[in-house]
C-alpha atoms as a PDB file:
ATOM      1  CA  MET A   1      43.186 119.985 125.540  1.00  0.00           C
ATOM      2  CA  LYS A   2      41.988 121.777 128.823  1.00  0.00           C
ATOM      3  CA  LYS A   3      41.097 125.378 128.794  1.00  0.00           C
ATOM      4  CA  SER A   4      43.667 125.758 131.521  1.00  0.00           C
ATOM      5  CA  HIS A   5      46.518 124.103 129.411  1.00  0.00           C
ATOM      6  CA  LEU A   6      45.784 126.193 126.161  1.00  0.00           C
ATOM      7  CA  ALA A   7      45.854 129.496 128.476  1.00  0.00           C
ATOM      8  CA  LEU A   8      49.243 128.182 129.909  1.00  0.00           C
ATOM      9  CA  LEU A   9      50.483 127.532 126.452  1.00  0.00           C
ATOM     10  CA  VAL A  10      49.334 130.857 124.760  1.00  0.00           C
ATOM     11  CA  GLY A  11      51.269 132.693 127.983  1.00  0.00           C
ATOM     12  CA  VAL A  12      54.347 130.901 126.986  1.00  0.00           C
ATOM     13  CA  ILE A  13      54.214 131.785 123.534  1.00  0.00           C
ATOM     14  CA  ILE A  14      53.659 135.359 124.315  1.00  0.00           C
ATOM     15  CA  ILE A  15      56.257 135.333 126.630  1.00  0.00           C
ATOM     16  CA  LEU A  16      58.655 133.552 124.248  1.00  0.00           C
ATOM     17  CA  PHE A  17      57.481 136.017 121.544  1.00  0.00           C
ATOM     18  CA  GLY A  18      58.180 139.071 123.774  1.00  0.00           C
ATOM     19  CA  ALA A  19      61.431 137.755 124.731  1.00  0.00           C
ATOM     20  CA  VAL A  20      62.617 137.671 121.295  1.00  0.00           C
ATOM     21  CA  LEU A  21      61.392 141.044 120.281  1.00  0.00           C
ATOM     22  CA  PHE A  22      63.205 142.291 123.384  1.00  0.00           C
ATOM     23  CA  ASN A  23      66.566 140.561 122.258  1.00  0.00           C
ATOM     24  CA  ARG A  24      66.245 141.907 118.700  1.00  0.00           C
ATOM     25  CA  SER A  25      65.482 145.388 119.776  1.00  0.00           C
ATOM     26  CA  GLU A  26      68.670 145.239 122.178  1.00  0.00           C
ATOM     27  CA  LEU A  27      70.817 143.641 119.537  1.00  0.00           C
ATOM     28  CA  GLN A  28      69.777 146.485 116.990  1.00  0.00           C
ATOM     29  CA  SER A  29      70.419 149.084 119.552  1.00  0.00           C
ATOM     30  CA  SER A  30      73.487 148.060 120.656  1.00  0.00           C
ATOM     31  CA  ALA A  31      75.148 148.667 117.067  1.00  0.00           C
ATOM     32  CA  LYS A  32      74.221 152.331 116.129  1.00  0.00           C
ATOM     33  CA  PRO A  33      76.373 153.589 113.093  1.00  0.00           C
ATOM     34  CA  THR A  34      77.104 157.035 112.259  1.00  0.00           C
ATOM     35  CA  ASP A  35      73.884 159.123 110.968  1.00  0.00           C
ATOM     36  CA  GLY A  36      71.485 155.783 111.254  1.00  0.00           C
ATOM     37  CA  LEU A  37      73.656 154.207 108.246  1.00  0.00           C
ATOM     38  CA  LYS A  38      73.203 150.589 107.771  1.00  0.00           C
ATOM     39  CA  VAL A  39      75.801 148.378 109.415  1.00  0.00           C
ATOM     40  CA  ALA A  40      78.052 146.524 107.168  1.00  0.00           C
ATOM     41  CA  PRO A  41      77.843 142.635 107.422  1.00  0.00           C
ATOM     42  CA  ASP A  42      80.644 140.815 109.085  1.00  0.00           C
ATOM     43  CA  PHE A  43      82.056 138.006 106.789  1.00  0.00           C
ATOM     44  CA  SER A  44      85.322 135.789 106.579  1.00  0.00           C
ATOM     45  CA  LEU A  45      87.094 134.962 103.505  1.00  0.00           C
ATOM     46  CA  LYS A  46      90.438 133.234 102.878  1.00  0.00           C
ATOM     47  CA  ARG A  47      93.717 134.787 101.651  1.00  0.00           C
ATOM     48  CA  SER A  48      95.922 132.801  99.115  1.00  0.00           C
ATOM     49  CA  ASN A  49      97.994 131.468 102.011  1.00  0.00           C
ATOM     50  CA  GLY A  50      94.871 129.746 103.620  1.00  0.00           C
ATOM     51  CA  GLU A  51      94.439 132.564 106.265  1.00  0.00           C
ATOM     52  CA  VAL A  52      90.863 133.388 107.157  1.00  0.00           C
ATOM     53  CA  VAL A  53      90.285 136.996 107.935  1.00  0.00           C
ATOM     54  CA  ARG A  54      87.133 138.838 108.912  1.00  0.00           C
ATOM     55  CA  LEU A  55      85.682 142.132 108.499  1.00  0.00           C
ATOM     56  CA  ALA A  56      85.781 142.518 112.295  1.00  0.00           C
ATOM     57  CA  ASP A  57      89.558 142.002 112.071  1.00  0.00           C
ATOM     58  CA  TRP A  58      89.704 145.764 111.207  1.00  0.00           C
ATOM     59  CA  LYS A  59      87.347 146.769 114.201  1.00  0.00           C
ATOM     60  CA  ASP A  60      87.394 150.538 114.938  1.00  0.00           C
ATOM     61  CA  SER A  61      89.526 151.053 111.507  1.00  0.00           C
ATOM     62  CA  MET A  62      87.905 152.528 108.270  1.00  0.00           C
ATOM     63  CA  VAL A  63      87.663 149.915 105.591  1.00  0.00           C
ATOM     64  CA  VAL A  64      87.387 150.113 101.972  1.00  0.00           C
ATOM     65  CA  VAL A  65      85.892 146.772 100.613  1.00  0.00           C
ATOM     66  CA  HIS A  66      86.506 146.538  96.804  1.00  0.00           C
ATOM     67  CA  PHE A  67      84.798 143.619  94.730  1.00  0.00           C
ATOM     68  CA  TRP A  68      86.295 142.502  91.208  1.00  0.00           C
ATOM     69  CA  ALA A  69      87.171 139.931  89.203  1.00  0.00           C
ATOM     70  CA  SER A  70      89.887 139.026  86.100  1.00  0.00           C
ATOM     71  CA  TRP A  71      86.836 138.212  84.210  1.00  0.00           C
ATOM     72  CA  CYS A  72      85.317 141.853  84.790  1.00  0.00           C
ATOM     73  CA  PRO A  73      87.017 144.130  81.769  1.00  0.00           C
ATOM     74  CA  PRO A  74      86.543 147.315  83.684  1.00  0.00           C
ATOM     75  CA  CYS A  75      88.123 145.862  86.898  1.00  0.00           C
ATOM     76  CA  ILE A  76      91.274 145.179  85.225  1.00  0.00           C
ATOM     77  CA  PRO A  77      92.461 148.796  84.945  1.00  0.00           C
ATOM     78  CA  GLU A  78      91.090 149.992  88.102  1.00  0.00           C
ATOM     79  CA  ILE A  79      93.109 147.499  90.173  1.00  0.00           C
ATOM     80  CA  PRO A  80      96.309 149.607  89.679  1.00  0.00           C
ATOM     81  CA  GLU A  81      94.214 152.668  90.500  1.00  0.00           C
ATOM     82  CA  ILE A  82      93.142 151.478  93.528  1.00  0.00           C
ATOM     83  CA  LEU A  83      96.278 150.264  94.578  1.00  0.00           C
ATOM     84  CA  ALA A  84      97.756 153.673  94.199  1.00  0.00           C
ATOM     85  CA  ALA A  85      94.841 155.364  96.453  1.00  0.00           C
ATOM     86  CA  ALA A  86      95.667 152.742  99.107  1.00  0.00           C
ATOM     87  CA  LYS A  87      99.375 153.561  99.231  1.00  0.00           C
ATOM     88  CA  LYS A  88      98.603 157.295  99.286  1.00  0.00           C
ATOM     89  CA  LEU A  89      96.094 156.751 102.368  1.00  0.00           C
ATOM     90  CA  PRO A  90      97.276 154.188 104.404  1.00  0.00           C
ATOM     91  CA  LYS A  91      96.150 155.826 107.667  1.00  0.00           C
ATOM     92  CA  ASP A  92      94.614 159.189 108.707  1.00  0.00           C
ATOM     93  CA  LYS A  93      96.376 162.326 110.163  1.00  0.00           C
ATOM     94  CA  SER A  94      95.873 161.002 113.660  1.00  0.00           C
ATOM     95  CA  GLY A  95      97.615 157.770 112.794  1.00  0.00           C
ATOM     96  CA  ARG A  96      94.348 155.570 112.550  1.00  0.00           C
ATOM     97  CA  ALA A  97      94.901 152.778 109.952  1.00  0.00           C
ATOM     98  CA  ILE A  98      92.675 152.838 106.773  1.00  0.00           C
ATOM     99  CA  HIS A  99      92.566 149.200 105.413  1.00  0.00           C
ATOM    100  CA  TRP A 100      91.564 148.207 101.777  1.00  0.00           C
ATOM    101  CA  LEU A 101      90.112 144.702 101.384  1.00  0.00           C
ATOM    102  CA  LEU A 102      90.204 143.329  97.822  1.00  0.00           C
ATOM    103  CA  VAL A 103      87.742 140.813  97.293  1.00  0.00           C
ATOM    104  CA  SER A 104      88.261 138.979  94.087  1.00  0.00           C
ATOM    105  CA  GLU A 105      84.976 136.900  92.682  1.00  0.00           C
ATOM    106  CA  ASP A 106      87.233 134.595  90.695  1.00  0.00           C
ATOM    107  CA  GLN A 107      87.104 130.874  91.189  1.00  0.00           C
ATOM    108  CA  THR A 108      90.567 130.180  91.912  1.00  0.00           C
ATOM    109  CA  TRP A 109      93.739 132.281  92.882  1.00  0.00           C
ATOM    110  CA  GLU A 110      95.576 131.355  89.852  1.00  0.00           C
ATOM    111  CA  LYS A 111      92.798 133.446  87.842  1.00  0.00           C
ATOM    112  CA  ALA A 112      92.909 136.529  90.247  1.00  0.00           C
ATOM    113  CA  HIS A 113      96.577 136.410  90.432  1.00  0.00           C
ATOM    114  CA  THR A 114      96.603 136.803  86.641  1.00  0.00           C
ATOM    115  CA  VAL A 115      95.506 140.750  87.555  1.00  0.00           C
ATOM    116  CA  LEU A 116      96.588 141.386  91.301  1.00  0.00           C
ATOM    117  CA  LYS A 117      99.840 140.123  92.306  1.00  0.00           C
ATOM    118  CA  GLU A 118      99.986 139.833  95.867  1.00  0.00           C
ATOM    119  CA  GLU A 119     103.782 140.742  96.215  1.00  0.00           C
ATOM    120  CA  THR A 120     102.943 144.332  94.977  1.00  0.00           C
ATOM    121  CA  LEU A 121     100.211 144.976  97.722  1.00  0.00           C
ATOM    122  CA  PRO A 122     100.753 147.709 100.143  1.00  0.00           C
ATOM    123  CA  GLU A 123     100.827 146.683 104.040  1.00  0.00           C
ATOM    124  CA  ASN A 124      97.306 148.293 104.183  1.00  0.00           C
ATOM    125  CA  VAL A 125      95.699 146.048 101.214  1.00  0.00           C
ATOM    126  CA  THR A 126      94.535 142.600 101.852  1.00  0.00           C
ATOM    127  CA  ALA A 127      93.235 140.432  98.870  1.00  0.00           C
ATOM    128  CA  VAL A 128      90.918 137.447  99.529  1.00  0.00           C
ATOM    129  CA  LEU A 129      88.809 135.251  97.354  1.00  0.00           C
ATOM    130  CA  ASP A 130      84.943 135.069  97.306  1.00  0.00           C
ATOM    131  CA  PRO A 131      84.594 132.273  94.652  1.00  0.00           C
ATOM    132  CA  GLU A 132      80.943 131.677  95.437  1.00  0.00           C
ATOM    133  CA  ALA A 133      79.829 135.456  95.640  1.00  0.00           C
ATOM    134  CA  VAL A 134      78.593 134.805  99.242  1.00  0.00           C
ATOM    135  CA  VAL A 135      80.086 138.179 100.654  1.00  0.00           C
ATOM    136  CA  SER A 136      79.267 140.271  97.297  1.00  0.00           C
ATOM    137  CA  ASP A 137      75.516 138.793  97.842  1.00  0.00           C
ATOM    138  CA  LEU A 138      75.478 140.153 101.371  1.00  0.00           C
ATOM    139  CA  PHE A 139      76.657 143.577 100.310  1.00  0.00           C
ATOM    140  CA  GLY A 140      74.047 143.613  97.526  1.00  0.00           C
ATOM    141  CA  SER A 141      76.618 144.026  94.946  1.00  0.00           C
ATOM    142  CA  TYR A 142      75.267 143.058  91.288  1.00  0.00           C
ATOM    143  CA  GLN A 143      77.819 144.970  88.906  1.00  0.00           C
ATOM    144  CA  PHE A 144      81.537 144.614  89.237  1.00  0.00           C
ATOM    145  CA  PRO A 145      83.695 146.448  90.198  1.00  0.00           C
ATOM    146  CA  GLU A 146      81.766 147.752  93.370  1.00  0.00           C
ATOM    147  CA  THR A 147      83.686 149.824  96.241  1.00  0.00           C
ATOM    148  CA  TYR A 148      82.218 150.210  99.770  1.00  0.00           C
ATOM    149  CA  LEU A 149      83.456 152.623 102.418  1.00  0.00           C
ATOM    150  CA  ILE A 150      82.764 151.547 105.979  1.00  0.00           C
ATOM    151  CA  LEU A 151      83.368 153.881 108.798  1.00  0.00           C
ATOM    152  CA  ARG A 152      85.141 153.080 112.011  1.00  0.00           C
ATOM    153  CA  ASP A 153      81.843 152.441 113.687  1.00  0.00           C
ATOM    154  CA  GLY A 154      80.858 149.799 110.859  1.00  0.00           C
ATOM    155  CA  ALA A 155      78.362 152.120 109.310  1.00  0.00           C
ATOM    156  CA  LEU A 156      78.308 151.732 105.320  1.00  0.00           C
ATOM    157  CA  ALA A 157      79.003 155.112 104.236  1.00  0.00           C
ATOM    158  CA  SER A 158      79.512 155.343 100.555  1.00  0.00           C
ATOM    159  CA  LYS A 159      78.854 152.797  97.496  1.00  0.00           C
ATOM    160  CA  TRP A 160      80.722 153.152  94.232  1.00  0.00           C
ATOM    161  CA  ILE A 161      79.201 151.339  91.286  1.00  0.00           C
ATOM    162  CA  GLY A 162      81.613 150.659  88.302  1.00  0.00           C
ATOM    163  CA  ALA A 163      85.327 151.644  88.047  1.00  0.00           C
ATOM    164  CA  GLN A 164      86.574 154.812  89.536  1.00  0.00           C
ATOM    165  CA  GLU A 165      89.473 157.411  88.879  1.00  0.00           C
ATOM    166  CA  TRP A 166      91.069 156.813  92.129  1.00  0.00           C
ATOM    167  CA  THR A 167      94.236 158.711  90.877  1.00  0.00           C
ATOM    168  CA  GLY A 168      92.488 161.743  89.274  1.00  0.00           C
ATOM    169  CA  LYS A 169      90.786 165.076  90.868  1.00  0.00           C
ATOM    170  CA  TRP A 170      87.803 162.849  91.867  1.00  0.00           C
ATOM    171  CA  GLY A 171      90.156 160.273  93.421  1.00  0.00           C
ATOM    172  CA  ASP A 172      92.087 163.200  95.549  1.00  0.00           C
ATOM    173  CA  THR A 173      88.830 164.562  96.749  1.00  0.00           C
ATOM    174  CA  VAL A 174      87.480 161.201  97.891  1.00  0.00           C
ATOM    175  CA  LEU A 175      90.655 160.288  99.575  1.00  0.00           C
ATOM    176  CA  GLU A 176      90.574 163.619 101.586  1.00  0.00           C
ATOM    177  CA  ALA A 177      87.065 162.995 102.622  1.00  0.00           C
ATOM    178  CA  MET A 178      88.036 159.480 103.748  1.00  0.00           C
ATOM    179  CA  GLU A 179      90.612 160.788 105.695  1.00  0.00           C
ATOM    180  CA  SER A 180      88.627 163.209 107.359  1.00  0.00           C
ATOM    181  CA  SER A 181      85.963 160.698 107.886  1.00  0.00           C
ATOM    182  CA  SER A 182      88.294 158.304 109.599  1.00  0.00           C
ATOM    183  CA  ARG A 183      89.999 161.037 112.131  1.00  0.00           C
ATOM    184  CA  PHE A 184      86.746 162.688 113.028  1.00  0.00           C
ATOM    185  CA  GLY A 185      84.605 159.566 112.917  1.00  0.00           C
ATOM    186  CA  THR A 186      82.010 161.092 111.343  1.00  0.00           C
ATOM    187  CA  ASN A 187      80.223 160.690 107.747  1.00  0.00           C
ATOM    188  CA  VAL A 188      81.959 162.961 105.467  1.00  0.00           C
ATOM    189  CA  LYS A 189      80.092 161.891 102.172  1.00  0.00           C
ATOM    190  CA  PRO A 190      82.646 161.650  99.382  1.00  0.00           C
ATOM    191  CA  PRO A 191      81.625 163.443  96.027  1.00  0.00           C
ATOM    192  CA  GLU A 192      79.769 161.462  93.349  1.00  0.00           C
ATOM    193  CA  HIS A 193      81.086 161.810  89.836  1.00  0.00           C
END
């Protein structure tokens, strides 16, 4: 290979490498969540009726993503608790919706429906199935149940591992913090246990 061809090839590689770095930095800078927090991964999953939903469907809304399964003993008693919390907090005081997305890790809807009856879901709750654990892997979930709070700007604000007491004093404090976070678009860290 001639030196001029080699120099041209090296020049093209440098230009392409620079373009890739520039595009990557542009993508990263276009999504700046609150307080420099990590952005929640987008995903799509199906409801029991076959409808595909994406996390992006609730863009500009606060979303609570809850991973659970019928084969998970601590998940079962938490389902009524999280549904009660969702009923208490369908929107913030300024009227912005707060959506609750319940992601079952079960292999089939029949198994998921033994615990979660879709006809009992509040309007602000959607149930989806993640039988291959693709989405829970994206979030880094490793112990069920796990719950994530995603702010209106897409930032992952909080993660709770294990079953929570959504209807007690802790739950009331968390719901107040969520409402405030949604209304003001800020990261008001809910308390840990």
